[in-house]
Amino acid sequence: MKIQRIDSYVDNRFEEVVLKQHGAFLIDDTYPCQFFICDMGSAIIDCHDECNIGEIIDAFRFYAKHIRSFTLKTADY
C-alpha cells in the first residue's frame, strides 16, 4: 500500500480545514484519507480503508506524534 501525504493547501479531494492541518493523505494514488484534528491529542479519520487503518495512522503519526486518540468517522461507502 502506498500512503502519500498531501502538502498542498488546494486540493478538491479534501476539505480545506484538513489541508490547513496537514491531515490529508492519498492511499494508493486513488483514495483520499482525511484526519480532522479535534484538539491537542485526538483526530477523526475519514478513510475508505479500515482494514489497513493501523498503517495509515502510523503514517499520520510520523508527522503528528502528539495525536494519540483516533475515531473513525461513520461514512456512506
Foldseek 3Di string as FASTA:
>chain_A
DDKAFDQDQDDVVDDNQQNVVSQWIDDPVHWIKGWADDDQAETEIEGDDPVCVVVNVVVVCVVRVRHDYYHYDDDDD
